């Protein structure tokens, strides 16, 4: 095999590999969209924020309602493992329970909110069906942040679960 045909073979092989990688990247990016992307983006565009915490079961339920579209919301995480700055942000903003929604006009509502309620409150169009029909939503369920000092807090959920010491792995009693 001559040097020129060997070089052509390697060049062709390289082009095929690049093409395969580009196709794979395009396919993987298509899977990132969510059913409520336009709705979530509308909420964000109107200045709506959600305060949440990674350990909060009600926050997880709220996130489930949005599915992949949750990534488009202005989420103010109140508890990041090993960091006090986010907790301080939420304290300074007067957040006492999560999830808490804050709308563009400054009004707040705490607890899990059905997407239909958020749509009605903001005027954002809810397309893609009704999330509350598919899942039971206990409207207003929130996890309270009771004693806050540094990173050590005690949280009591509406179901009676107490979570302590969120500066590390939460302890559920």
N, C-alpha and C. Protein backbone atom coordinates (compact mmCIF):
# COMPACT_ATOMS: atom_id res chain seq x y z
N UNK A 1 0.85 -1.17 0.00
CA UNK A 1 0.00 0.00 0.00
C UNK A 1 0.90 1.23 0.00
N UNK A 2 0.62 2.17 -0.90
CA UNK A 2 1.44 3.37 -1.00
C UNK A 2 1.11 4.35 0.12
N UNK A 3 2.02 5.30 0.31
CA UNK A 3 1.83 6.30 1.37
C UNK A 3 0.58 7.14 1.11
N UNK A 4 0.31 7.46 -0.16
CA UNK A 4 -0.85 8.30 -0.47
C UNK A 4 -2.16 7.57 -0.23
N UNK A 5 -2.24 6.28 -0.55
CA UNK A 5 -3.48 5.55 -0.28
C UNK A 5 -3.65 5.29 1.21
N UNK A 6 -2.56 5.12 1.93
CA UNK A 6 -2.64 4.96 3.39
C UNK A 6 -3.14 6.25 4.04
N UNK A 7 -2.66 7.38 3.57
CA UNK A 7 -3.10 8.67 4.10
C UNK A 7 -4.57 8.90 3.78
N UNK A 8 -4.99 8.53 2.57
CA UNK A 8 -6.40 8.68 2.19
C UNK A 8 -7.30 7.81 3.05
N UNK A 9 -6.84 6.61 3.34
CA UNK A 9 -7.61 5.70 4.19
C UNK A 9 -7.80 6.30 5.59
N UNK A 10 -6.72 6.80 6.16
CA UNK A 10 -6.80 7.41 7.50
C UNK A 10 -7.67 8.66 7.49
N UNK A 11 -7.58 9.45 6.45
CA UNK A 11 -8.39 10.66 6.33
C UNK A 11 -9.87 10.30 6.24
N UNK A 12 -10.19 9.30 5.43
CA UNK A 12 -11.58 8.85 5.30
C UNK A 12 -12.10 8.29 6.61
N UNK A 13 -11.29 7.46 7.27
CA UNK A 13 -11.67 6.89 8.56
C UNK A 13 -11.92 7.99 9.60
N UNK A 14 -11.06 8.99 9.62
CA UNK A 14 -11.23 10.12 10.55
C UNK A 14 -12.51 10.88 10.28
N UNK A 15 -12.83 11.11 9.00
CA UNK A 15 -14.05 11.82 8.64
C UNK A 15 -15.30 11.04 9.06
N UNK A 16 -15.27 9.72 8.89
CA UNK A 16 -16.39 8.87 9.29
C UNK A 16 -16.59 8.94 10.81
N UNK A 17 -15.51 8.88 11.57
CA UNK A 17 -15.61 8.95 13.04
C UNK A 17 -16.19 10.30 13.47
N UNK A 18 -15.72 11.38 12.87
CA UNK A 18 -16.25 12.71 13.21
C UNK A 18 -17.74 12.79 12.88
N UNK A 19 -18.14 12.26 11.74
CA UNK A 19 -19.56 12.28 11.35
C UNK A 19 -20.41 11.50 12.35
N UNK A 20 -19.93 10.34 12.77
CA UNK A 20 -20.67 9.53 13.75
C UNK A 20 -20.81 10.28 15.07
N UNK A 21 -19.75 10.92 15.52
CA UNK A 21 -19.80 11.68 16.77
C UNK A 21 -20.78 12.85 16.68
N UNK A 22 -20.81 13.53 15.54
CA UNK A 22 -21.74 14.65 15.37
C UNK A 22 -23.19 14.18 15.38
N UNK A 23 -23.46 13.07 14.74
CA UNK A 23 -24.82 12.51 14.74
C UNK A 23 -25.22 12.11 16.15
N UNK A 24 -24.32 11.46 16.88
CA UNK A 24 -24.62 11.04 18.26
C UNK A 24 -24.88 12.25 19.14
N UNK A 25 -24.12 13.31 18.96
CA UNK A 25 -24.32 14.53 19.74
C UNK A 25 -25.67 15.17 19.43
N UNK A 26 -26.04 15.21 18.17
CA UNK A 26 -27.33 15.78 17.78
C UNK A 26 -28.48 14.99 18.37
N UNK A 27 -28.38 13.67 18.37
CA UNK A 27 -29.44 12.82 18.92
C UNK A 27 -29.55 13.02 20.43
N UNK A 28 -28.42 13.09 21.13
CA UNK A 28 -28.47 13.24 22.59
C UNK A 28 -29.03 14.59 23.00
N UNK A 29 -28.79 15.64 22.24
CA UNK A 29 -29.33 16.96 22.57
C UNK A 29 -30.83 17.04 22.41
N UNK A 30 -31.41 16.24 21.52
CA UNK A 30 -32.85 16.25 21.33
C UNK A 30 -33.58 15.72 22.55
N UNK A 31 -32.98 14.82 23.31
CA UNK A 31 -33.62 14.23 24.48
C UNK A 31 -33.70 15.17 25.67
N UNK A 32 -33.07 16.34 25.62
CA UNK A 32 -33.02 17.24 26.77
C UNK A 32 -34.25 18.09 26.95
N UNK A 33 -35.09 18.22 25.94
CA UNK A 33 -36.26 19.07 26.04
C UNK A 33 -37.33 18.45 26.91
N UNK A 34 -38.16 19.32 27.50
CA UNK A 34 -39.22 18.84 28.36
C UNK A 34 -40.59 19.22 27.82
N UNK A 35 -41.59 18.58 28.36
CA UNK A 35 -42.97 18.78 27.93
C UNK A 35 -43.45 20.20 28.21
N UNK A 36 -42.93 20.83 29.26
CA UNK A 36 -43.41 22.15 29.67
C UNK A 36 -42.36 23.24 29.49
N UNK A 37 -41.47 23.09 28.51
CA UNK A 37 -40.40 24.07 28.30
C UNK A 37 -40.92 25.49 28.11
N UNK A 38 -41.90 25.68 27.25
CA UNK A 38 -42.42 27.03 26.99
C UNK A 38 -43.05 27.62 28.25
N UNK A 39 -43.76 26.81 29.00
CA UNK A 39 -44.38 27.25 30.25
C UNK A 39 -43.33 27.65 31.28
N UNK A 40 -42.32 26.80 31.47
CA UNK A 40 -41.26 27.10 32.44
C UNK A 40 -40.49 28.35 32.04
N UNK A 41 -40.21 28.51 30.75
CA UNK A 41 -39.50 29.69 30.29
C UNK A 41 -40.33 30.95 30.49
N UNK A 42 -41.64 30.86 30.29
CA UNK A 42 -42.54 31.99 30.52
C UNK A 42 -42.50 32.40 31.99
N UNK A 43 -42.54 31.42 32.91
CA UNK A 43 -42.46 31.73 34.34
C UNK A 43 -41.18 32.49 34.65
N UNK A 44 -40.07 32.01 34.12
CA UNK A 44 -38.77 32.65 34.35
C UNK A 44 -38.74 34.05 33.75
N UNK A 45 -39.25 34.19 32.54
CA UNK A 45 -39.26 35.50 31.87
C UNK A 45 -40.08 36.52 32.65
N UNK A 46 -41.08 36.06 33.39
CA UNK A 46 -41.92 36.97 34.19
C UNK A 46 -41.33 37.25 35.57
N UNK A 47 -40.16 36.71 35.86
CA UNK A 47 -39.51 36.97 37.14
C UNK A 47 -39.92 36.03 38.25
N UNK A 48 -40.56 34.92 37.91
CA UNK A 48 -40.96 33.94 38.92
C UNK A 48 -39.75 33.13 39.34
N UNK A 49 -39.59 32.95 40.67
CA UNK A 49 -38.49 32.15 41.22
C UNK A 49 -39.08 31.06 42.09
N UNK A 50 -38.33 29.98 42.24
CA UNK A 50 -38.70 28.94 43.21
C UNK A 50 -37.51 28.73 44.13
N UNK A 51 -37.78 28.76 45.43
CA UNK A 51 -36.77 28.44 46.44
C UNK A 51 -36.98 26.98 46.82
N UNK A 52 -35.90 26.20 46.80
CA UNK A 52 -36.01 24.77 47.08
C UNK A 52 -34.78 24.30 47.86
N UNK A 53 -34.80 23.03 48.24
CA UNK A 53 -33.66 22.41 48.92
C UNK A 53 -33.54 20.97 48.43
N UNK A 54 -32.31 20.52 48.27
CA UNK A 54 -32.09 19.18 47.72
C UNK A 54 -32.68 18.08 48.57
N UNK A 55 -32.81 18.28 49.87
CA UNK A 55 -33.30 17.24 50.78
C UNK A 55 -34.81 17.28 50.96
N UNK A 56 -35.47 18.24 50.37
CA UNK A 56 -36.90 18.48 50.59
C UNK A 56 -37.77 17.56 49.71
N UNK A 57 -38.58 16.68 50.33
CA UNK A 57 -39.42 15.78 49.53
C UNK A 57 -40.49 16.52 48.73
N UNK A 58 -40.99 17.62 49.27
CA UNK A 58 -42.01 18.39 48.54
C UNK A 58 -41.40 19.12 47.35
N UNK A 59 -40.14 19.54 47.49
CA UNK A 59 -39.45 20.15 46.35
C UNK A 59 -39.26 19.12 45.24
N UNK A 60 -38.94 17.90 45.63
CA UNK A 60 -38.79 16.82 44.64
C UNK A 60 -40.11 16.57 43.92
N UNK A 61 -41.22 16.64 44.65
CA UNK A 61 -42.53 16.45 44.02
C UNK A 61 -42.82 17.58 43.04
N UNK A 62 -42.45 18.82 43.41
CA UNK A 62 -42.65 19.95 42.51
C UNK A 62 -41.82 19.77 41.25
N UNK A 63 -40.57 19.33 41.41
CA UNK A 63 -39.69 19.10 40.26
C UNK A 63 -40.26 18.02 39.34
N UNK A 64 -40.86 16.98 39.92
CA UNK A 64 -41.46 15.91 39.12
C UNK A 64 -42.57 16.44 38.22
N UNK A 65 -43.33 17.41 38.71
CA UNK A 65 -44.42 17.96 37.89
C UNK A 65 -43.89 18.61 36.62
N UNK A 66 -42.73 19.26 36.71
CA UNK A 66 -42.13 19.93 35.56
C UNK A 66 -41.30 18.99 34.69
N UNK A 67 -40.85 17.89 35.25
CA UNK A 67 -39.99 16.98 34.50
C UNK A 67 -38.73 17.69 34.04
N UNK A 68 -38.28 17.39 32.81
CA UNK A 68 -37.06 18.00 32.26
C UNK A 68 -37.17 19.51 32.11
N UNK A 69 -38.36 20.05 32.11
CA UNK A 69 -38.55 21.50 31.95
C UNK A 69 -38.14 22.28 33.20
N UNK A 70 -37.96 21.60 34.32
CA UNK A 70 -37.58 22.27 35.57
C UNK A 70 -36.26 23.05 35.40
N UNK A 71 -35.40 22.58 34.52
CA UNK A 71 -34.09 23.20 34.32
C UNK A 71 -34.21 24.65 33.85
N UNK A 72 -35.36 25.03 33.31
CA UNK A 72 -35.56 26.38 32.80
C UNK A 72 -36.06 27.36 33.86
N UNK A 73 -36.43 26.84 35.03
CA UNK A 73 -36.92 27.70 36.10
C UNK A 73 -35.77 28.40 36.81
N UNK A 74 -36.06 29.54 37.41
CA UNK A 74 -35.09 30.26 38.24
C UNK A 74 -35.15 29.64 39.63
N UNK A 75 -34.36 28.59 39.83
CA UNK A 75 -34.37 27.82 41.08
C UNK A 75 -33.30 28.35 42.01
N UNK A 76 -33.72 28.83 43.17
CA UNK A 76 -32.81 29.31 44.21
C UNK A 76 -32.65 28.17 45.22
N UNK A 77 -31.59 27.43 45.10
CA UNK A 77 -31.32 26.28 45.97
C UNK A 77 -30.88 26.80 47.34
N UNK A 78 -31.63 26.43 48.38
CA UNK A 78 -31.37 26.91 49.74
C UNK A 78 -30.39 26.03 50.50
N UNK A 79 -30.02 24.91 49.98
CA UNK A 79 -29.11 24.01 50.69
C UNK A 79 -28.21 23.28 49.71
N UNK A 80 -26.96 23.64 49.72
CA UNK A 80 -25.97 22.94 48.93
C UNK A 80 -25.02 22.29 49.92
N UNK A 81 -24.80 21.02 49.78
CA UNK A 81 -23.95 20.30 50.74
C UNK A 81 -22.62 21.02 50.95
N UNK A 82 -22.33 21.31 52.23
CA UNK A 82 -21.05 21.90 52.60
C UNK A 82 -20.92 23.39 52.35
N UNK A 83 -21.99 24.07 51.96
CA UNK A 83 -21.92 25.51 51.69
C UNK A 83 -22.99 26.23 52.48
N UNK A 84 -22.63 27.35 53.11
CA UNK A 84 -23.61 28.13 53.86
C UNK A 84 -24.14 29.30 53.07
N UNK A 85 -23.51 29.65 51.95
CA UNK A 85 -23.91 30.85 51.23
C UNK A 85 -25.34 30.77 50.72
N UNK A 86 -25.78 29.63 50.24
CA UNK A 86 -27.14 29.52 49.73
C UNK A 86 -28.17 29.59 50.85
N UNK A 87 -27.86 28.97 51.99
CA UNK A 87 -28.76 29.05 53.14
C UNK A 87 -28.90 30.49 53.59
N UNK A 88 -27.79 31.23 53.61
CA UNK A 88 -27.82 32.63 53.99
C UNK A 88 -28.67 33.43 53.01
N UNK A 89 -28.55 33.15 51.72
CA UNK A 89 -29.36 33.82 50.70
C UNK A 89 -30.84 33.64 51.00
N UNK A 90 -31.24 32.41 51.30
CA UNK A 90 -32.65 32.13 51.57
C UNK A 90 -33.09 32.79 52.88
N UNK A 91 -32.23 32.78 53.90
CA UNK A 91 -32.55 33.47 55.15
C UNK A 91 -32.75 34.96 54.89
N UNK A 92 -31.83 35.56 54.16
CA UNK A 92 -31.91 36.99 53.87
C UNK A 92 -33.15 37.34 53.06
N UNK A 93 -33.61 36.41 52.25
CA UNK A 93 -34.82 36.63 51.46
C UNK A 93 -36.09 36.31 52.24
N UNK A 94 -35.95 35.91 53.52
CA UNK A 94 -37.12 35.65 54.36
C UNK A 94 -37.81 34.33 54.09
N UNK A 95 -37.11 33.37 53.53
CA UNK A 95 -37.71 32.07 53.20
C UNK A 95 -37.74 31.22 54.47
N UNK A 96 -38.93 30.74 54.83
CA UNK A 96 -39.10 29.91 56.03
C UNK A 96 -39.54 28.50 55.70
N UNK A 97 -39.92 28.24 54.46
CA UNK A 97 -40.29 26.89 54.05
C UNK A 97 -39.99 26.73 52.57
N UNK A 98 -39.82 25.50 52.18
CA UNK A 98 -39.56 25.18 50.78
C UNK A 98 -40.47 24.05 50.35
N UNK A 99 -40.94 24.01 49.13
CA UNK A 99 -40.69 25.02 48.11
C UNK A 99 -41.50 26.29 48.37
N UNK A 100 -40.92 27.42 48.00
CA UNK A 100 -41.62 28.71 48.03
C UNK A 100 -41.48 29.32 46.64
N UNK A 101 -42.61 29.71 46.08
CA UNK A 101 -42.64 30.40 44.79
C UNK A 101 -42.71 31.89 45.06
N UNK A 102 -41.91 32.67 44.35
CA UNK A 102 -41.99 34.13 44.41
C UNK A 102 -42.25 34.63 42.99
N UNK A 103 -43.32 35.39 42.86
CA UNK A 103 -43.73 35.88 41.54
C UNK A 103 -43.10 37.24 41.26
N UNK A 104 -43.19 37.69 40.04
CA UNK A 104 -42.58 38.94 39.62
C UNK A 104 -43.03 40.15 40.42
N UNK A 105 -44.25 40.11 40.97
CA UNK A 105 -44.75 41.24 41.75
C UNK A 105 -44.36 41.15 43.23
N UNK A 106 -43.57 40.13 43.59
CA UNK A 106 -43.11 39.97 44.97
C UNK A 106 -43.99 39.08 45.83
N UNK A 107 -45.18 38.73 45.35
CA UNK A 107 -46.06 37.85 46.12
C UNK A 107 -45.44 36.46 46.20
N UNK A 108 -45.64 35.82 47.36
CA UNK A 108 -45.09 34.47 47.56
C UNK A 108 -46.19 33.50 47.94
N UNK A 109 -45.96 32.25 47.56
CA UNK A 109 -46.84 31.16 47.97
C UNK A 109 -45.93 29.96 48.26
N UNK A 110 -46.17 29.33 49.40
CA UNK A 110 -45.34 28.19 49.80
C UNK A 110 -46.04 26.88 49.50
N UNK A 111 -45.23 25.87 49.27
CA UNK A 111 -45.74 24.52 49.06
C UNK A 111 -45.79 24.12 47.61
N UNK A 112 -46.08 22.85 47.39
CA UNK A 112 -46.21 22.30 46.04
C UNK A 112 -47.39 22.98 45.36
N UNK A 113 -47.17 23.49 44.17
CA UNK A 113 -48.22 24.16 43.41
C UNK A 113 -48.50 23.39 42.13
N UNK A 114 -49.76 23.05 41.88
CA UNK A 114 -50.09 22.43 40.59
C UNK A 114 -49.73 23.39 39.46
N UNK A 115 -49.32 22.86 38.34
CA UNK A 115 -48.95 23.71 37.21
C UNK A 115 -50.10 24.60 36.79
N UNK A 116 -51.32 24.08 36.90
CA UNK A 116 -52.50 24.87 36.54
C UNK A 116 -52.61 26.12 37.41
N UNK A 117 -52.29 26.00 38.70
CA UNK A 117 -52.34 27.16 39.60
C UNK A 117 -51.30 28.19 39.22
N UNK A 118 -50.11 27.73 38.87
CA UNK A 118 -49.05 28.65 38.44
C UNK A 118 -49.44 29.34 37.14
N UNK A 119 -50.06 28.59 36.23
CA UNK A 119 -50.49 29.17 34.96
C UNK A 119 -51.55 30.25 35.20
N UNK A 120 -52.49 29.95 36.07
CA UNK A 120 -53.56 30.91 36.36
C UNK A 120 -52.99 32.17 37.01
N UNK A 121 -52.05 31.99 37.94
CA UNK A 121 -51.48 33.12 38.67
C UNK A 121 -50.63 34.01 37.77
N UNK A 122 -49.92 33.42 36.81
CA UNK A 122 -48.97 34.18 35.99
C UNK A 122 -49.50 34.54 34.60
N UNK A 123 -50.53 33.84 34.14
CA UNK A 123 -51.01 34.07 32.78
C UNK A 123 -50.19 33.33 31.73
N UNK A 124 -49.23 32.53 32.16
CA UNK A 124 -48.43 31.73 31.22
C UNK A 124 -49.27 30.56 30.72
N UNK A 125 -49.20 30.31 29.43
CA UNK A 125 -49.97 29.22 28.83
C UNK A 125 -49.36 27.88 29.21
N UNK A 126 -50.21 26.99 29.70
CA UNK A 126 -49.79 25.63 30.05
C UNK A 126 -50.15 24.72 28.89
N UNK A 127 -49.14 24.36 28.11
CA UNK A 127 -49.35 23.49 26.96
C UNK A 127 -48.79 22.12 27.27
N UNK A 128 -49.29 21.11 26.63
CA UNK A 128 -48.76 19.77 26.81
C UNK A 128 -49.55 18.93 27.77
N UNK A 129 -50.74 19.38 28.15
CA UNK A 129 -51.57 18.58 29.03
C UNK A 129 -51.51 19.03 30.47
N UNK A 130 -52.26 18.35 31.28
CA UNK A 130 -52.37 18.68 32.69
C UNK A 130 -51.49 17.75 33.51
N UNK A 131 -50.53 18.32 34.20
CA UNK A 131 -49.62 17.51 35.03
C UNK A 131 -50.34 16.95 36.24
N UNK A 132 -51.30 17.69 36.76
CA UNK A 132 -51.97 17.25 37.98
C UNK A 132 -52.90 16.08 37.72
N UNK A 133 -53.35 15.91 36.49
CA UNK A 133 -54.20 14.76 36.18
C UNK A 133 -53.40 13.47 36.29
N UNK A 134 -52.13 13.52 35.92
CA UNK A 134 -51.30 12.32 35.91
C UNK A 134 -50.75 11.97 37.28
N UNK A 135 -50.60 12.95 38.15
CA UNK A 135 -50.01 12.71 39.47
C UNK A 135 -50.87 13.37 40.53
N UNK A 136 -50.99 12.73 41.68
CA UNK A 136 -51.69 13.36 42.79
C UNK A 136 -50.81 14.45 43.36
N UNK A 137 -51.38 15.63 43.53
CA UNK A 137 -50.63 16.74 44.08
C UNK A 137 -51.32 17.22 45.34
N UNK A 138 -50.58 17.23 46.43
CA UNK A 138 -51.10 17.79 47.67
C UNK A 138 -50.70 19.26 47.66
N UNK A 139 -51.60 20.11 47.19
CA UNK A 139 -51.29 21.51 47.03
C UNK A 139 -50.91 22.12 48.37
N UNK A 140 -49.83 22.89 48.35
CA UNK A 140 -49.40 23.61 49.54
C UNK A 140 -48.48 22.82 50.45
N UNK A 141 -48.17 21.57 50.14
CA UNK A 141 -47.28 20.79 50.99
C UNK A 141 -45.89 21.42 50.96
N UNK A 142 -45.36 21.71 52.13
CA UNK A 142 -44.05 22.37 52.22
C UNK A 142 -43.26 21.78 53.37
N UNK A 143 -41.96 21.93 53.30
CA UNK A 143 -41.08 21.54 54.39
C UNK A 143 -40.63 22.82 55.09
N UNK A 144 -40.87 22.90 56.38
CA UNK A 144 -40.57 24.12 57.12
C UNK A 144 -39.11 24.14 57.59
N UNK A 145 -38.53 25.31 57.50
CA UNK A 145 -37.19 25.53 58.03
C UNK A 145 -37.40 26.26 59.34
N UNK A 146 -37.17 25.58 60.48
CA UNK A 146 -37.53 26.17 61.77
C UNK A 146 -36.37 26.87 62.47
N UNK A 147 -35.32 26.18 62.80
CA UNK A 147 -34.22 26.82 63.52
C UNK A 147 -33.01 26.90 62.63
N UNK A 148 -32.62 28.09 62.24
CA UNK A 148 -31.52 28.22 61.30
C UNK A 148 -30.35 28.91 61.99
N UNK A 149 -29.19 28.27 61.99
CA UNK A 149 -27.98 28.86 62.52
C UNK A 149 -26.83 28.24 61.74
N UNK A 150 -26.21 29.02 60.88
CA UNK A 150 -25.16 28.47 60.04
C UNK A 150 -25.73 27.43 59.11
N UNK A 151 -25.14 26.25 59.11
CA UNK A 151 -25.62 25.17 58.26
C UNK A 151 -26.50 24.18 59.00
N UNK A 152 -26.57 24.30 60.34
CA UNK A 152 -27.35 23.34 61.12
C UNK A 152 -28.79 23.81 61.21
N UNK A 153 -29.70 23.05 60.60
CA UNK A 153 -31.11 23.41 60.68
C UNK A 153 -31.93 22.18 61.00
N UNK A 154 -33.12 22.41 61.48
CA UNK A 154 -34.06 21.32 61.73
C UNK A 154 -35.27 21.57 60.86
N UNK A 155 -35.70 20.57 60.17
CA UNK A 155 -36.84 20.70 59.27
C UNK A 155 -37.89 19.68 59.65
N UNK A 156 -39.13 20.15 59.75
CA UNK A 156 -40.25 19.24 60.00
C UNK A 156 -41.20 19.34 58.82
N UNK A 157 -41.42 18.22 58.16
CA UNK A 157 -42.33 18.23 57.02
C UNK A 157 -43.76 18.09 57.51
N UNK A 158 -44.71 18.35 56.63
CA UNK A 158 -46.12 18.22 56.98
C UNK A 158 -46.49 16.80 57.38
N UNK A 159 -45.71 15.83 56.93
CA UNK A 159 -46.00 14.43 57.27
C UNK A 159 -45.34 14.01 58.58
N UNK A 160 -44.67 14.96 59.27
CA UNK A 160 -44.08 14.67 60.57
C UNK A 160 -42.65 14.18 60.52
N UNK A 161 -42.02 14.19 59.36
CA UNK A 161 -40.62 13.77 59.25
C UNK A 161 -39.73 14.93 59.66
N UNK A 162 -38.75 14.66 60.52
CA UNK A 162 -37.80 15.67 60.94
C UNK A 162 -36.45 15.37 60.31
N UNK A 163 -35.85 16.38 59.72
CA UNK A 163 -34.53 16.25 59.12
C UNK A 163 -33.62 17.23 59.83
N UNK A 164 -32.47 16.76 60.30
CA UNK A 164 -31.53 17.60 61.03
C UNK A 164 -30.16 17.55 60.38
N UNK A 165 -29.40 18.64 60.59
CA UNK A 165 -28.01 18.66 60.18
C UNK A 165 -27.79 18.59 58.69
N UNK A 166 -28.35 19.52 57.92
CA UNK A 166 -28.22 19.47 56.47
C UNK A 166 -26.84 19.88 55.98
N UNK A 167 -25.93 20.24 56.91
CA UNK A 167 -24.57 20.56 56.47
C UNK A 167 -23.85 19.31 55.97
N UNK A 168 -24.36 18.16 56.35
CA UNK A 168 -23.83 16.89 55.86
C UNK A 168 -25.02 16.11 55.30
N UNK A 169 -24.97 14.81 55.35
CA UNK A 169 -26.10 14.01 54.90
C UNK A 169 -27.24 14.14 55.89
N UNK A 170 -28.46 14.48 55.45
CA UNK A 170 -29.58 14.64 56.37
C UNK A 170 -29.87 13.35 57.13
N UNK A 171 -30.27 13.52 58.39
CA UNK A 171 -30.67 12.40 59.23
C UNK A 171 -32.18 12.44 59.34
N UNK A 172 -32.86 11.40 58.91
CA UNK A 172 -34.31 11.35 58.96
C UNK A 172 -34.72 10.53 60.17
N UNK A 173 -35.54 11.14 61.05
CA UNK A 173 -36.02 10.44 62.24
C UNK A 173 -37.47 10.07 62.09
